[in-house]
Amino acid sequence: MKAFVYTALVAALFLGVGGIAQAKPLSRIIAEMGLSPADFEVLNDTSNALLSTGTPSVGQERAWLNQDTGSKGTIRVQSVQGNCVILQHFVQPEGAAQARDIRTRRCKTADGNWILTP
C-alpha cells in the first residue's frame, strides 16, 4: 500500500508540473527534479501530518527536511473545497538555487483517509 501511495504522490506532483511529465518514466522524473525517493517519502509523511491535525485551513503549513540528503520544502494549504484541499508544495532539492512550486489535490474519503485525486 505504501508503494501505491508513493507512486500516486509522485504522479500527482508531476502532473502538476506539466503534461510532458506523463510520458517520462518515474525514475527519470525523480532524477530531473533532483529529489530522491527518500525525499518523496519525507514530503508525503509531512503532507499526511499536515492533514491529520484536524480540519485543514487555508494558509496552514508545515516544513520538511530530509536530513540524509539536505532536500527541503514547505507544504501549504492553498484552498479548501468541500472535503478536498489543494496543497502547494515548495520543493528545494539539495544544491538547487531556488524552490519549485508544485500543487496537488487531496480529498478525504468516508473512512477518514486523505487520497490524491486529479
Protein backbone atom coordinates (compact mmCIF):
# COMPACT_ATOMS: atom_id res chain seq x y z
CA MET A 1 0.00 0.00 0.00
CA LYS A 2 2.84 2.39 0.84
CA ALA A 3 4.34 1.83 -2.63
CA PHE A 4 0.98 2.70 -4.22
CA VAL A 5 0.67 5.90 -2.19
CA TYR A 6 4.25 6.85 -3.07
CA THR A 7 3.68 6.22 -6.76
CA ALA A 8 0.41 8.15 -6.71
CA LEU A 9 2.08 11.09 -4.95
CA VAL A 10 4.89 11.20 -7.46
CA ALA A 11 2.46 11.02 -10.36
CA ALA A 12 0.28 13.77 -8.91
CA LEU A 13 3.25 16.01 -8.22
CA PHE A 14 4.50 15.77 -11.75
CA LEU A 15 1.11 16.09 -13.34
CA GLY A 16 1.08 19.49 -11.67
CA VAL A 17 4.39 20.31 -13.34
CA GLY A 18 3.05 19.72 -16.86
CA GLY A 19 1.61 17.24 -19.30
CA ILE A 20 5.03 16.37 -20.70
CA ALA A 21 5.88 14.62 -17.45
CA GLN A 22 3.25 11.97 -18.15
CA ALA A 23 5.33 10.39 -20.91
CA LYS A 24 8.55 10.12 -18.88
CA PRO A 25 9.48 7.16 -16.71
CA LEU A 26 9.19 7.77 -12.99
CA SER A 27 12.91 7.29 -12.39
CA ARG A 28 13.74 9.98 -14.94
CA ILE A 29 11.24 12.45 -13.48
CA ILE A 30 12.69 11.99 -9.99
CA ALA A 31 16.23 12.43 -11.31
CA GLU A 32 15.30 15.60 -13.19
CA MET A 33 13.72 17.12 -10.08
CA GLY A 34 16.82 16.33 -8.07
CA LEU A 35 14.83 14.62 -5.33
CA SER A 36 15.42 11.09 -4.13
CA PRO A 37 12.71 8.53 -3.38
CA ALA A 38 13.51 9.15 0.31
CA ASP A 39 12.79 12.87 -0.23
CA PHE A 40 9.35 12.00 -1.59
CA GLU A 41 8.72 9.80 1.42
CA VAL A 42 9.52 12.69 3.78
CA LEU A 43 7.33 15.01 1.69
CA ASN A 44 4.44 12.52 1.77
CA ASP A 45 4.77 11.96 5.53
CA THR A 46 4.72 15.73 6.07
CA SER A 47 1.61 16.11 3.90
CA ASN A 48 -0.12 13.40 5.91
CA ALA A 49 0.88 15.05 9.19
CA LEU A 50 -0.43 18.42 8.00
CA LEU A 51 -3.81 16.93 7.11
CA SER A 52 -4.12 14.79 10.25
CA THR A 53 -4.20 17.75 12.65
CA GLY A 54 -7.93 18.38 12.31
CA THR A 55 -9.79 20.37 9.70
CA PRO A 56 -7.29 21.98 7.32
CA SER A 57 -7.48 25.73 6.84
CA VAL A 58 -6.08 28.00 4.14
CA GLY A 59 -2.57 29.15 4.96
CA GLN A 60 -1.79 26.27 7.30
CA GLU A 61 1.68 24.93 6.50
CA ARG A 62 4.47 22.59 7.51
CA ALA A 63 8.13 22.50 6.57
CA TRP A 64 10.07 19.32 5.85
CA LEU A 65 13.74 18.45 5.61
CA ASN A 66 15.39 15.20 4.65
CA GLN A 67 18.42 15.12 6.98
CA ASP A 68 20.11 12.50 4.80
CA THR A 69 20.01 14.46 1.52
CA GLY A 70 19.54 18.08 2.57
CA SER A 71 16.47 18.45 0.35
CA LYS A 72 13.72 20.52 1.93
CA GLY A 73 10.40 22.17 1.33
CA THR A 74 7.22 23.64 2.67
CA ILE A 75 3.68 22.41 2.18
CA ARG A 76 0.85 24.94 2.45
CA VAL A 77 -2.92 24.52 2.28
CA GLN A 78 -3.75 26.74 -0.68
CA SER A 79 -7.50 26.16 -0.75
CA VAL A 80 -10.23 24.05 0.81
CA GLN A 81 -13.11 22.88 -1.41
CA GLY A 82 -15.60 20.75 0.49
CA ASN A 83 -13.76 17.59 1.56
CA CYS A 84 -10.78 18.38 -0.70
CA VAL A 85 -7.70 20.56 -0.33
CA ILE A 86 -5.20 21.94 -2.78
CA LEU A 87 -1.69 21.66 -1.33
CA GLN A 88 1.04 23.95 -2.59
CA HIS A 89 4.49 22.38 -2.32
CA PHE A 90 7.64 24.46 -2.39
CA VAL A 91 10.31 21.82 -3.09
CA GLN A 92 14.04 22.56 -2.99
CA PRO A 93 16.46 19.72 -3.68
CA GLU A 94 19.89 19.99 -2.09
CA GLY A 95 22.06 22.31 -4.16
CA ALA A 96 19.16 23.89 -6.08
CA ALA A 97 19.24 27.68 -6.31
CA GLN A 98 15.51 28.02 -5.73
CA ALA A 99 12.41 26.06 -4.81
CA ARG A 100 9.91 24.70 -7.34
CA ASP A 101 6.21 25.30 -6.86
CA ILE A 102 4.08 22.17 -7.33
CA ARG A 103 0.41 21.65 -6.43
CA THR A 104 -1.50 18.52 -5.52
CA ARG A 105 -5.13 17.84 -4.64
CA ARG A 106 -6.20 15.51 -1.85
CA CYS A 107 -9.71 14.56 -0.83
CA LYS A 108 -10.89 12.98 2.40
CA THR A 109 -12.69 9.67 1.99
CA ALA A 110 -15.62 8.48 4.08
CA ASP A 111 -13.24 6.40 6.21
CA GLY A 112 -11.14 9.49 7.02
CA ASN A 113 -8.16 8.90 4.71
CA TRP A 114 -6.74 11.64 2.51
CA ILE A 115 -6.11 10.42 -1.03
CA LEU A 116 -4.56 12.10 -4.06
CA THR A 117 -7.10 12.98 -6.72
CA PRO A 118 -6.81 14.56 -10.18
